[in-house]
Structures are given as C-alpha cells and as structure tokens.
Amino acid sequence: MSTPRSLDLPAGVDAQRVETPRGAFAAHVARPHDPTGHVLLVPGWTGSKEDFTPLVALLGDAGLAATAYDQRGQHETPGRPDDDYSLEAFAEDALAVASSVHGTASHLLGHSFGGLVAQVAVAEGPAAWRTLSLLCTGPAALGEAGDRGLTRMVEAIDDLPLEQVHELRERERAVPTPPEVAEFVRRRFTSNAAASLRAITVHLLTAPDRVDDVAATGVPVWVGRGLDDDAWPHELQDAMAARLGTRVHVVPGAAHSPAVENPEGLVDAWLPFLADAEEEAP
C-alpha cells in the first residue's frame, strides 16, 4: 500500500471508468496530444490507482499516455465473492484494460504485488506488451519476509469486518497522516472486496516464480526499487534483475512506494528505458 501525499488530481490527469469485456475498472489517466506510447500501471496489495497519480501526471508531461487502475475488487473497481482472483485472472484484467484504452502494445509496470501480476501478464501474452517494468517487487511470493504478518492478515479477513481489520493495521503501523488522507486510506481499505483482498494476500504467500518464463519472451525489462525498500530483500531483487538481463535501478529518497515518495526521481531513472524502447519499436 502507498499513502498518497495529496488527494488532488494534478493537471492533465482525469478520473475515468475504463469499460472492458471483463468489466469496468476505475482509473486515473493522462492522455497527451499525439502520445509517443502508452503505459499501464498495476498497483499492489491494499493499493489503488492513487498510488501512481503523481507518476501518471509526469508520464503525460513526457508525452506518454498513462493509465493507472484499481484491480478487480480494489477500491473503486467492484469485485464479487465468486469472481476469479487467480494471478492469471488479474493478468487478463491488465490485458483487457490496456487493450481497451490503447489497442496496440503498451508498456507495463507492476508495483509490489502488481509486479507479480505483470510478470504473469507478460509470460502469458508477450505480444501485448512493448516493455515490462518491475517496481519494488520480487520473483515470487514474499516467503519468510512476509509470512507471519500476511498469515495474520488472512486470518483477520476471514474473522473480522474490514473496518476492524483496518483499525488493527493502522494501530500497528502508527504512521502520522493528515486527517483527509487518513480518511481516504480507511475508505480505500474498507471498500475492497474481502474476497479480492484475501486472494491477493494469499498470492503474496504462495505465488510461483515466473521469472524464467518472462525472460524467455524477450520482452525488454526494467527493474527498480526505492533506496530503502523494505519488502522483498534487496539481494533477491538483484538476482531477479540479473536473471532478466538487467540491473536494479535504485531511486533515492524513496522506500517501497517511489511513485509517491519520489516520483520525479523514479521518472528520471525509468524514462530513458521507455524512450529507448519507443525508438527501437518498428
């Protein structure tokens, strides 16, 4: 989860609903005139499109169309208890959103859990993606790094209303937050479909390693993290990047959420990769 610094939409960013054959998805979008390409941004666990809003604006300023969306059952995108919340289904949603807003191959970025979704999306449908970018994520489940807390979260979702689960989480986190942002974080968390939130939490405990499948596609890959990222171990991210034929780009002044903690630094580290890919596109 990323905590926004502001709830105001920057100039050039609009809130929309993207209609797809797989349903409607709430999104924040930038649509510059005559864009050089399109970027799809996939949020992580307990996150939402708001995790990327400053980044969407900067991408638009750079001439790229951008779409950040709430995944199925997250925040303002509805999810039913009987929906398919497998990694493959989340990946199919990503493809549906990208196809609906752009039509040709998009750049794909996944943050945290969204990185696991993005890897499956590329492994299962490489032709749909011009590039893959992995931000503060790993090759598979968190494993020992997140086992205890995530297991407790699954148990809490099974036993308690989401309002109470949120109160317990905030008590543990104890992060000073402006009242309006704290209310947004509460509303976002309690708006999640419990089935979606539970499934995502379980994926963080059990997701398989798809890195070799991604590497085999030949889709160009960029990997980045905040300097103080505290989710997947840094050495594990370094090894993942090496398996993908690249290195980890470290964003200063950021931890697990560079898109809100230092969006300008993230763009500085990431935009040359996107620009090179656009120049090399047929």
C-alpha atoms as a PDB file:
ATOM      1  CA  MET A   1       0.000   0.000   0.000  1.00  0.00           C
ATOM      2  CA  SER A   2       1.146   3.532  -0.803  1.00  0.00           C
ATOM      3  CA  THR A   3      -0.151   6.507   1.170  1.00  0.00           C
ATOM      4  CA  PRO A   4      -0.817   9.490  -1.112  1.00  0.00           C
ATOM      5  CA  ARG A   5       0.690  12.857  -0.235  1.00  0.00           C
ATOM      6  CA  SER A   6      -2.302  14.651  -1.780  1.00  0.00           C
ATOM      7  CA  LEU A   7      -5.763  13.675  -2.963  1.00  0.00           C
ATOM      8  CA  ASP A   8      -5.950  16.419  -5.608  1.00  0.00           C
ATOM      9  CA  LEU A   9      -5.732  15.296  -9.226  1.00  0.00           C
ATOM     10  CA  PRO A  10      -2.816  17.043 -10.967  1.00  0.00           C
ATOM     11  CA  ALA A  11      -3.395  18.989 -14.169  1.00  0.00           C
ATOM     12  CA  GLY A  12      -3.663  16.620 -17.117  1.00  0.00           C
ATOM     13  CA  VAL A  13      -4.918  13.661 -15.035  1.00  0.00           C
ATOM     14  CA  ASP A  14      -8.568  12.587 -15.175  1.00  0.00           C
ATOM     15  CA  ALA A  15     -10.575  10.029 -13.214  1.00  0.00           C
ATOM     16  CA  GLN A  16     -12.397   7.665 -15.573  1.00  0.00           C
ATOM     17  CA  ARG A  17     -14.019   4.250 -15.739  1.00  0.00           C
ATOM     18  CA  VAL A  18     -12.466   2.009 -18.370  1.00  0.00           C
ATOM     19  CA  GLU A  19     -15.050  -0.301 -19.929  1.00  0.00           C
ATOM     20  CA  THR A  20     -13.673  -3.673 -20.997  1.00  0.00           C
ATOM     21  CA  PRO A  21     -15.134  -7.075 -21.928  1.00  0.00           C
ATOM     22  CA  ARG A  22     -14.115  -8.153 -18.398  1.00  0.00           C
ATOM     23  CA  GLY A  23     -15.990  -5.329 -16.679  1.00  0.00           C
ATOM     24  CA  ALA A  24     -15.394  -1.697 -15.753  1.00  0.00           C
ATOM     25  CA  PHE A  25     -12.218  -0.569 -13.972  1.00  0.00           C
ATOM     26  CA  ALA A  26     -11.727   2.715 -12.116  1.00  0.00           C
ATOM     27  CA  ALA A  27      -8.686   4.553 -13.458  1.00  0.00           C
ATOM     28  CA  HIS A  28      -6.615   7.720 -13.402  1.00  0.00           C
ATOM     29  CA  VAL A  29      -5.467   8.577 -16.899  1.00  0.00           C
ATOM     30  CA  ALA A  30      -3.280  11.024 -18.791  1.00  0.00           C
ATOM     31  CA  ARG A  31      -3.938  11.462 -22.490  1.00  0.00           C
ATOM     32  CA  PRO A  32      -1.489  13.956 -24.032  1.00  0.00           C
ATOM     33  CA  HIS A  33      -1.972  15.039 -27.614  1.00  0.00           C
ATOM     34  CA  ASP A  34      -0.258  12.663 -30.048  1.00  0.00           C
ATOM     35  CA  PRO A  35       1.359  10.430 -27.372  1.00  0.00           C
ATOM     36  CA  THR A  36       4.527   8.513 -28.147  1.00  0.00           C
ATOM     37  CA  GLY A  37       3.216   5.391 -26.409  1.00  0.00           C
ATOM     38  CA  HIS A  38       1.036   4.089 -23.594  1.00  0.00           C
ATOM     39  CA  VAL A  39       1.945   2.913 -20.083  1.00  0.00           C
ATOM     40  CA  LEU A  40      -0.291   0.692 -17.932  1.00  0.00           C
ATOM     41  CA  LEU A  41       0.353   0.855 -14.171  1.00  0.00           C
ATOM     42  CA  VAL A  42      -0.709  -2.036 -11.910  1.00  0.00           C
ATOM     43  CA  PRO A  43      -0.958  -1.347  -8.140  1.00  0.00           C
ATOM     44  CA  GLY A  44      -0.067  -3.641  -5.293  1.00  0.00           C
ATOM     45  CA  TRP A  45      -1.540  -5.133  -2.133  1.00  0.00           C
ATOM     46  CA  THR A  46      -4.120  -2.868  -0.430  1.00  0.00           C
ATOM     47  CA  GLY A  47      -3.214  -0.255  -3.048  1.00  0.00           C
ATOM     48  CA  SER A  48      -5.067   1.543  -5.817  1.00  0.00           C
ATOM     49  CA  LYS A  49      -4.690   3.822  -8.815  1.00  0.00           C
ATOM     50  CA  GLU A  50      -3.918   6.675  -6.407  1.00  0.00           C
ATOM     51  CA  ASP A  51      -0.543   5.016  -5.743  1.00  0.00           C
ATOM     52  CA  PHE A  52       0.502   6.272  -9.181  1.00  0.00           C
ATOM     53  CA  THR A  53      -1.318   9.599  -9.606  1.00  0.00           C
ATOM     54  CA  PRO A  54       1.799  11.824  -9.471  1.00  0.00           C
ATOM     55  CA  LEU A  55       3.568   9.425 -11.846  1.00  0.00           C
ATOM     56  CA  VAL A  56       0.648   9.472 -14.300  1.00  0.00           C
ATOM     57  CA  ALA A  57       0.968  13.266 -14.480  1.00  0.00           C
ATOM     58  CA  LEU A  58       4.721  13.141 -15.096  1.00  0.00           C
ATOM     59  CA  LEU A  59       4.340  10.498 -17.798  1.00  0.00           C
ATOM     60  CA  GLY A  60       1.732  12.671 -19.502  1.00  0.00           C
ATOM     61  CA  ASP A  61       4.093  15.651 -19.337  1.00  0.00           C
ATOM     62  CA  ALA A  62       6.714  13.460 -21.035  1.00  0.00           C
ATOM     63  CA  GLY A  63       4.328  12.711 -23.915  1.00  0.00           C
ATOM     64  CA  LEU A  64       3.234   9.238 -22.858  1.00  0.00           C
ATOM     65  CA  ALA A  65      -0.375   8.243 -22.355  1.00  0.00           C
ATOM     66  CA  ALA A  66      -0.765   6.545 -18.993  1.00  0.00           C
ATOM     67  CA  THR A  67      -3.449   4.512 -17.227  1.00  0.00           C
ATOM     68  CA  ALA A  68      -3.366   3.555 -13.534  1.00  0.00           C
ATOM     69  CA  TYR A  69      -6.286   1.400 -12.451  1.00  0.00           C
ATOM     70  CA  ASP A  70      -7.785  -0.318  -9.423  1.00  0.00           C
ATOM     71  CA  GLN A  71      -7.503  -4.068  -9.852  1.00  0.00           C
ATOM     72  CA  ARG A  72     -10.569  -6.276  -9.535  1.00  0.00           C
ATOM     73  CA  GLY A  73     -12.044  -5.818  -6.070  1.00  0.00           C
ATOM     74  CA  GLN A  74      -9.717  -2.921  -5.174  1.00  0.00           C
ATOM     75  CA  HIS A  75     -11.094   0.434  -4.001  1.00  0.00           C
ATOM     76  CA  GLU A  76     -13.425   1.722  -6.756  1.00  0.00           C
ATOM     77  CA  THR A  77     -13.360  -1.330  -9.025  1.00  0.00           C
ATOM     78  CA  PRO A  78     -16.035  -3.773  -7.841  1.00  0.00           C
ATOM     79  CA  GLY A  79     -15.419  -7.432  -7.183  1.00  0.00           C
ATOM     80  CA  ARG A  80     -17.876 -10.199  -6.378  1.00  0.00           C
ATOM     81  CA  PRO A  81     -17.208 -13.046  -3.942  1.00  0.00           C
ATOM     82  CA  ASP A  82     -17.369 -15.592  -6.776  1.00  0.00           C
ATOM     83  CA  ASP A  83     -15.034 -13.719  -9.157  1.00  0.00           C
ATOM     84  CA  ASP A  84     -11.799 -15.363 -10.284  1.00  0.00           C
ATOM     85  CA  TYR A  85      -8.953 -13.822  -8.273  1.00  0.00           C
ATOM     86  CA  SER A  86      -6.163 -16.040  -9.573  1.00  0.00           C
ATOM     87  CA  LEU A  87      -2.942 -14.392 -10.753  1.00  0.00           C
ATOM     88  CA  GLU A  88      -3.905 -15.399 -14.281  1.00  0.00           C
ATOM     89  CA  ALA A  89      -7.264 -13.630 -13.957  1.00  0.00           C
ATOM     90  CA  PHE A  90      -5.651 -10.455 -12.612  1.00  0.00           C
ATOM     91  CA  ALA A  91      -3.250 -10.627 -15.578  1.00  0.00           C
ATOM     92  CA  GLU A  92      -6.174 -10.992 -18.001  1.00  0.00           C
ATOM     93  CA  ASP A  93      -7.703  -7.876 -16.442  1.00  0.00           C
ATOM     94  CA  ALA A  94      -4.487  -5.958 -17.121  1.00  0.00           C
ATOM     95  CA  LEU A  95      -4.573  -7.014 -20.761  1.00  0.00           C
ATOM     96  CA  ALA A  96      -8.248  -6.072 -21.045  1.00  0.00           C
ATOM     97  CA  VAL A  97      -7.647  -2.579 -19.646  1.00  0.00           C
ATOM     98  CA  ALA A  98      -4.618  -1.969 -21.872  1.00  0.00           C
ATOM     99  CA  SER A  99      -6.445  -3.210 -24.971  1.00  0.00           C
ATOM    100  CA  SER A 100      -9.482  -1.069 -24.250  1.00  0.00           C
ATOM    101  CA  VAL A 101      -7.585   2.198 -23.802  1.00  0.00           C
ATOM    102  CA  HIS A 102      -4.767   1.761 -26.314  1.00  0.00           C
ATOM    103  CA  GLY A 103      -5.263  -1.079 -28.772  1.00  0.00           C
ATOM    104  CA  THR A 104      -1.613  -1.744 -29.589  1.00  0.00           C
ATOM    105  CA  ALA A 105       1.233  -2.945 -27.385  1.00  0.00           C
ATOM    106  CA  SER A 106       1.642  -1.000 -24.125  1.00  0.00           C
ATOM    107  CA  HIS A 107       4.444  -0.550 -21.655  1.00  0.00           C
ATOM    108  CA  LEU A 108       3.545  -2.384 -18.445  1.00  0.00           C
ATOM    109  CA  LEU A 109       4.658  -1.507 -14.910  1.00  0.00           C
ATOM    110  CA  GLY A 110       3.720  -3.516 -11.829  1.00  0.00           C
ATOM    111  CA  HIS A 111       4.354  -2.292  -8.292  1.00  0.00           C
ATOM    112  CA  SER A 112       4.807  -4.792  -5.442  1.00  0.00           C
ATOM    113  CA  PHE A 113       2.008  -7.391  -5.818  1.00  0.00           C
ATOM    114  CA  GLY A 114       1.251  -5.720  -9.145  1.00  0.00           C
ATOM    115  CA  GLY A 115       4.703  -6.864 -10.262  1.00  0.00           C
ATOM    116  CA  LEU A 116       3.669 -10.486  -9.799  1.00  0.00           C
ATOM    117  CA  VAL A 117       0.558  -9.809 -11.890  1.00  0.00           C
ATOM    118  CA  ALA A 118       2.635  -8.052 -14.541  1.00  0.00           C
ATOM    119  CA  GLN A 119       5.049 -10.976 -14.826  1.00  0.00           C
ATOM    120  CA  VAL A 120       2.170 -13.376 -15.453  1.00  0.00           C
ATOM    121  CA  ALA A 121       0.657 -10.963 -17.996  1.00  0.00           C
ATOM    122  CA  VAL A 122       3.908 -10.877 -19.968  1.00  0.00           C
ATOM    123  CA  ALA A 123       4.608 -14.598 -19.643  1.00  0.00           C
ATOM    124  CA  GLU A 124       1.109 -15.498 -20.855  1.00  0.00           C
ATOM    125  CA  GLY A 125       0.700 -12.809 -23.538  1.00  0.00           C
ATOM    126  CA  PRO A 126       4.019 -11.219 -24.539  1.00  0.00           C
ATOM    127  CA  ALA A 127       2.742  -9.753 -27.826  1.00  0.00           C
ATOM    128  CA  ALA A 128       0.532  -7.328 -25.883  1.00  0.00           C
ATOM    129  CA  TRP A 129       3.450  -5.587 -24.191  1.00  0.00           C
ATOM    130  CA  ARG A 130       6.226  -3.397 -25.510  1.00  0.00           C
ATOM    131  CA  THR A 131       8.181  -3.498 -22.238  1.00  0.00           C
ATOM    132  CA  LEU A 132       7.866  -4.751 -18.669  1.00  0.00           C
ATOM    133  CA  SER A 133       8.911  -2.693 -15.637  1.00  0.00           C
ATOM    134  CA  LEU A 134       9.021  -4.191 -12.147  1.00  0.00           C
ATOM    135  CA  LEU A 135       8.996  -1.766  -9.215  1.00  0.00           C
ATOM    136  CA  CYS A 136       9.680  -2.835  -5.615  1.00  0.00           C
ATOM    137  CA  THR A 137       8.691  -6.418  -6.316  1.00  0.00           C
ATOM    138  CA  GLY A 138      10.265  -9.846  -6.464  1.00  0.00           C
ATOM    139  CA  PRO A 139      10.376 -13.058  -8.447  1.00  0.00           C
ATOM    140  CA  ALA A 140       7.688 -14.836  -6.428  1.00  0.00           C
ATOM    141  CA  ALA A 141       5.957 -14.852  -3.030  1.00  0.00           C
ATOM    142  CA  LEU A 142       7.497 -12.867  -0.180  1.00  0.00           C
ATOM    143  CA  GLY A 143       8.139 -16.071   1.739  1.00  0.00           C
ATOM    144  CA  GLU A 144       9.731 -15.626   5.147  1.00  0.00           C
ATOM    145  CA  ALA A 145       9.929 -11.844   4.665  1.00  0.00           C
ATOM    146  CA  GLY A 146       6.152 -11.534   4.928  1.00  0.00           C
ATOM    147  CA  ASP A 147       4.901 -14.856   6.211  1.00  0.00           C
ATOM    148  CA  ARG A 148       3.883 -14.004   9.759  1.00  0.00           C
ATOM    149  CA  GLY A 149       2.135 -10.701   9.101  1.00  0.00           C
ATOM    150  CA  LEU A 150       0.389 -11.871   5.944  1.00  0.00           C
ATOM    151  CA  THR A 151      -0.830 -15.067   7.558  1.00  0.00           C
ATOM    152  CA  ARG A 152      -2.337 -12.995  10.366  1.00  0.00           C
ATOM    153  CA  MET A 153      -3.974 -10.770   7.742  1.00  0.00           C
ATOM    154  CA  VAL A 154      -5.643 -13.741   6.032  1.00  0.00           C
ATOM    155  CA  GLU A 155      -6.963 -14.904   9.403  1.00  0.00           C
ATOM    156  CA  ALA A 156      -8.246 -11.414  10.208  1.00  0.00           C
ATOM    157  CA  ILE A 157     -10.045 -11.075   6.857  1.00  0.00           C
ATOM    158  CA  ASP A 158     -11.725 -14.413   7.495  1.00  0.00           C
ATOM    159  CA  ASP A 159     -12.855 -13.473  11.003  1.00  0.00           C
ATOM    160  CA  LEU A 160     -13.430  -9.704  11.167  1.00  0.00           C
ATOM    161  CA  PRO A 161     -15.168  -6.875   9.258  1.00  0.00           C
ATOM    162  CA  LEU A 162     -12.720  -4.931   7.081  1.00  0.00           C
ATOM    163  CA  GLU A 163     -13.314  -1.813   9.176  1.00  0.00           C
ATOM    164  CA  GLN A 164     -11.906  -3.627  12.196  1.00  0.00           C
ATOM    165  CA  VAL A 165      -9.050  -5.148  10.197  1.00  0.00           C
ATOM    166  CA  HIS A 166      -8.109  -1.651   9.062  1.00  0.00           C
ATOM    167  CA  GLU A 167      -8.143  -0.332  12.631  1.00  0.00           C
ATOM    168  CA  LEU A 168      -5.807  -3.127  13.717  1.00  0.00           C
ATOM    169  CA  ARG A 169      -3.415  -2.451  10.811  1.00  0.00           C
ATOM    170  CA  GLU A 170      -3.299   1.279  11.459  1.00  0.00           C
ATOM    171  CA  ARG A 171      -2.607   0.676  15.142  1.00  0.00           C
ATOM    172  CA  GLU A 172       0.394  -1.461  14.173  1.00  0.00           C
ATOM    173  CA  ARG A 173       1.648   0.960  11.520  1.00  0.00           C
ATOM    174  CA  ALA A 174       1.184   4.136  13.622  1.00  0.00           C
ATOM    175  CA  VAL A 175       2.128   6.409  10.699  1.00  0.00           C
ATOM    176  CA  PRO A 176       1.265  10.125  11.182  1.00  0.00           C
ATOM    177  CA  THR A 177      -1.099  11.087   8.367  1.00  0.00           C
ATOM    178  CA  PRO A 178      -3.169  14.228   7.625  1.00  0.00           C
ATOM    179  CA  PRO A 179      -6.824  13.623   8.533  1.00  0.00           C
ATOM    180  CA  GLU A 180      -8.136  13.773   4.964  1.00  0.00           C
ATOM    181  CA  VAL A 181      -5.501  11.284   3.773  1.00  0.00           C
ATOM    182  CA  ALA A 182      -6.150   9.010   6.747  1.00  0.00           C
ATOM    183  CA  GLU A 183      -9.853   9.016   5.867  1.00  0.00           C
ATOM    184  CA  PHE A 184      -9.030   8.148   2.255  1.00  0.00           C
ATOM    185  CA  VAL A 185      -6.812   5.252   3.389  1.00  0.00           C
ATOM    186  CA  ARG A 186      -9.615   3.958   5.621  1.00  0.00           C
ATOM    187  CA  ARG A 187     -12.223   4.280   2.876  1.00  0.00           C
ATOM    188  CA  ARG A 188      -9.971   2.629   0.315  1.00  0.00           C
ATOM    189  CA  PHE A 189      -9.218  -0.324   2.559  1.00  0.00           C
ATOM    190  CA  THR A 190     -12.813  -0.902   3.633  1.00  0.00           C
ATOM    191  CA  SER A 191     -14.033  -0.547   0.032  1.00  0.00           C
ATOM    192  CA  ASN A 192     -12.009  -3.582  -1.027  1.00  0.00           C
ATOM    193  CA  ALA A 193     -13.896  -6.739  -1.823  1.00  0.00           C
ATOM    194  CA  ALA A 194     -12.909  -9.078   1.006  1.00  0.00           C
ATOM    195  CA  ALA A 195     -12.507 -11.978  -1.432  1.00  0.00           C
ATOM    196  CA  SER A 196     -10.079  -9.954  -3.555  1.00  0.00           C
ATOM    197  CA  LEU A 197      -8.056  -8.726  -0.591  1.00  0.00           C
ATOM    198  CA  ARG A 198      -7.827 -12.237   0.832  1.00  0.00           C
ATOM    199  CA  ALA A 199      -6.753 -13.713  -2.514  1.00  0.00           C
ATOM    200  CA  ILE A 200      -4.074 -11.063  -3.053  1.00  0.00           C
ATOM    201  CA  THR A 201      -2.725 -11.675   0.448  1.00  0.00           C
ATOM    202  CA  VAL A 202      -2.562 -15.416  -0.207  1.00  0.00           C
ATOM    203  CA  HIS A 203      -0.763 -14.790  -3.525  1.00  0.00           C
ATOM    204  CA  LEU A 204       1.917 -12.867  -1.623  1.00  0.00           C
ATOM    205  CA  LEU A 205       2.423 -16.035   0.411  1.00  0.00           C
ATOM    206  CA  THR A 206       2.262 -18.584  -2.408  1.00  0.00           C
ATOM    207  CA  ALA A 207       2.951 -17.035  -5.846  1.00  0.00           C
ATOM    208  CA  PRO A 208       5.288 -19.135  -8.018  1.00  0.00           C
ATOM    209  CA  ASP A 209       8.453 -17.890  -9.692  1.00  0.00           C
ATOM    210  CA  ARG A 210       7.745 -16.924 -13.324  1.00  0.00           C
ATOM    211  CA  VAL A 211      10.991 -15.065 -13.996  1.00  0.00           C
ATOM    212  CA  ASP A 212      12.397 -17.622 -16.442  1.00  0.00           C
ATOM    213  CA  ASP A 213       9.105 -17.572 -18.363  1.00  0.00           C
ATOM    214  CA  VAL A 214       9.318 -13.778 -18.595  1.00  0.00           C
ATOM    215  CA  ALA A 215      12.956 -13.876 -19.709  1.00  0.00           C
ATOM    216  CA  ALA A 216      12.091 -16.378 -22.437  1.00  0.00           C
ATOM    217  CA  THR A 217       9.629 -13.929 -24.054  1.00  0.00           C
ATOM    218  CA  GLY A 218      12.357 -11.457 -24.996  1.00  0.00           C
ATOM    219  CA  VAL A 219      10.220  -8.512 -23.805  1.00  0.00           C
ATOM    220  CA  PRO A 220      12.636  -5.780 -22.587  1.00  0.00           C
ATOM    221  CA  VAL A 221      12.632  -5.463 -18.786  1.00  0.00           C
ATOM    222  CA  TRP A 222      13.437  -2.660 -16.353  1.00  0.00           C
ATOM    223  CA  VAL A 223      13.713  -3.266 -12.591  1.00  0.00           C
ATOM    224  CA  GLY A 224      13.662  -0.580  -9.895  1.00  0.00           C
ATOM    225  CA  ARG A 225      13.195  -0.058  -6.174  1.00  0.00           C
ATOM    226  CA  GLY A 226      13.400   2.675  -3.590  1.00  0.00           C
ATOM    227  CA  LEU A 227      16.688   3.035  -1.754  1.00  0.00           C
ATOM    228  CA  ASP A 228      15.023   1.962   1.498  1.00  0.00           C
ATOM    229  CA  ASP A 229      12.547  -0.554   0.071  1.00  0.00           C
ATOM    230  CA  ASP A 230      11.557  -2.925   2.859  1.00  0.00           C
ATOM    231  CA  ALA A 231       9.511  -5.646   1.127  1.00  0.00           C
ATOM    232  CA  TRP A 232      11.404  -8.222  -0.973  1.00  0.00           C
ATOM    233  CA  PRO A 233      15.058  -8.458   0.147  1.00  0.00           C
ATOM    234  CA  HIS A 234      17.365  -6.309  -1.972  1.00  0.00           C
ATOM    235  CA  GLU A 235      19.620  -9.228  -2.846  1.00  0.00           C
ATOM    236  CA  LEU A 236      16.605 -11.155  -4.128  1.00  0.00           C
ATOM    237  CA  GLN A 237      15.646  -8.227  -6.358  1.00  0.00           C
ATOM    238  CA  ASP A 238      19.234  -8.015  -7.610  1.00  0.00           C
ATOM    239  CA  ALA A 239      19.191 -11.715  -8.503  1.00  0.00           C
ATOM    240  CA  MET A 240      15.837 -11.355 -10.257  1.00  0.00           C
ATOM    241  CA  ALA A 241      17.137  -8.453 -12.337  1.00  0.00           C
ATOM    242  CA  ALA A 242      20.230 -10.449 -13.327  1.00  0.00           C
ATOM    243  CA  ARG A 243      18.034 -13.347 -14.467  1.00  0.00           C
ATOM    244  CA  LEU A 244      16.134 -10.841 -16.616  1.00  0.00           C
ATOM    245  CA  GLY A 245      19.314  -9.465 -18.177  1.00  0.00           C
ATOM    246  CA  THR A 246      19.288  -6.122 -16.404  1.00  0.00           C
ATOM    247  CA  ARG A 247      20.097  -4.481 -13.057  1.00  0.00           C
ATOM    248  CA  VAL A 248      18.122  -2.804 -10.301  1.00  0.00           C
ATOM    249  CA  HIS A 249      17.752   0.955 -10.697  1.00  0.00           C
ATOM    250  CA  VAL A 250      17.688   2.491  -7.215  1.00  0.00           C
ATOM    251  CA  VAL A 251      15.506   5.563  -6.616  1.00  0.00           C
ATOM    252  CA  PRO A 252      16.878   7.844  -3.874  1.00  0.00           C
ATOM    253  CA  GLY A 253      14.589   9.394  -1.300  1.00  0.00           C
ATOM    254  CA  ALA A 254      12.143   6.501  -1.539  1.00  0.00           C
ATOM    255  CA  ALA A 255      11.279   3.234   0.165  1.00  0.00           C
ATOM    256  CA  HIS A 256       8.557   0.838  -1.030  1.00  0.00           C
ATOM    257  CA  SER A 257       6.473   3.488  -2.854  1.00  0.00           C
ATOM    258  CA  PRO A 258       8.715   5.585  -5.135  1.00  0.00           C
ATOM    259  CA  ALA A 259       5.735   6.701  -7.235  1.00  0.00           C
ATOM    260  CA  VAL A 260       4.505   8.830  -4.324  1.00  0.00           C
ATOM    261  CA  GLU A 261       7.714   9.235  -2.281  1.00  0.00           C
ATOM    262  CA  ASN A 262       9.898  10.496  -5.146  1.00  0.00           C
ATOM    263  CA  PRO A 263       8.014  10.385  -8.464  1.00  0.00           C
ATOM    264  CA  GLU A 264      10.480  12.738 -10.149  1.00  0.00           C
ATOM    265  CA  GLY A 265      13.398  10.511  -9.168  1.00  0.00           C
ATOM    266  CA  LEU A 266      11.522   7.466 -10.421  1.00  0.00           C
ATOM    267  CA  VAL A 267      10.830   9.099 -13.776  1.00  0.00           C
ATOM    268  CA  ASP A 268      14.473  10.161 -14.098  1.00  0.00           C
ATOM    269  CA  ALA A 269      15.560   6.546 -13.579  1.00  0.00           C
ATOM    270  CA  TRP A 270      12.835   4.980 -15.730  1.00  0.00           C
ATOM    271  CA  LEU A 271      12.063   7.313 -18.633  1.00  0.00           C
ATOM    272  CA  PRO A 272      15.296   6.650 -20.598  1.00  0.00           C
ATOM    273  CA  PHE A 273      14.347   2.952 -20.738  1.00  0.00           C
ATOM    274  CA  LEU A 274      10.877   3.782 -22.106  1.00  0.00           C
ATOM    275  CA  ALA A 275      12.308   6.288 -24.587  1.00  0.00           C
ATOM    276  CA  ASP A 276      14.832   3.763 -25.889  1.00  0.00           C
ATOM    277  CA  ALA A 277      12.064   1.185 -26.339  1.00  0.00           C
ATOM    278  CA  GLU A 278       9.949   3.657 -28.307  1.00  0.00           C
ATOM    279  CA  GLU A 279      12.880   4.487 -30.591  1.00  0.00           C
ATOM    280  CA  GLU A 280      13.506   0.799 -31.271  1.00  0.00           C
ATOM    281  CA  ALA A 281       9.836  -0.035 -31.923  1.00  0.00           C
ATOM    282  CA  PRO A 282       9.045  -0.973 -35.529  1.00  0.00           C
END
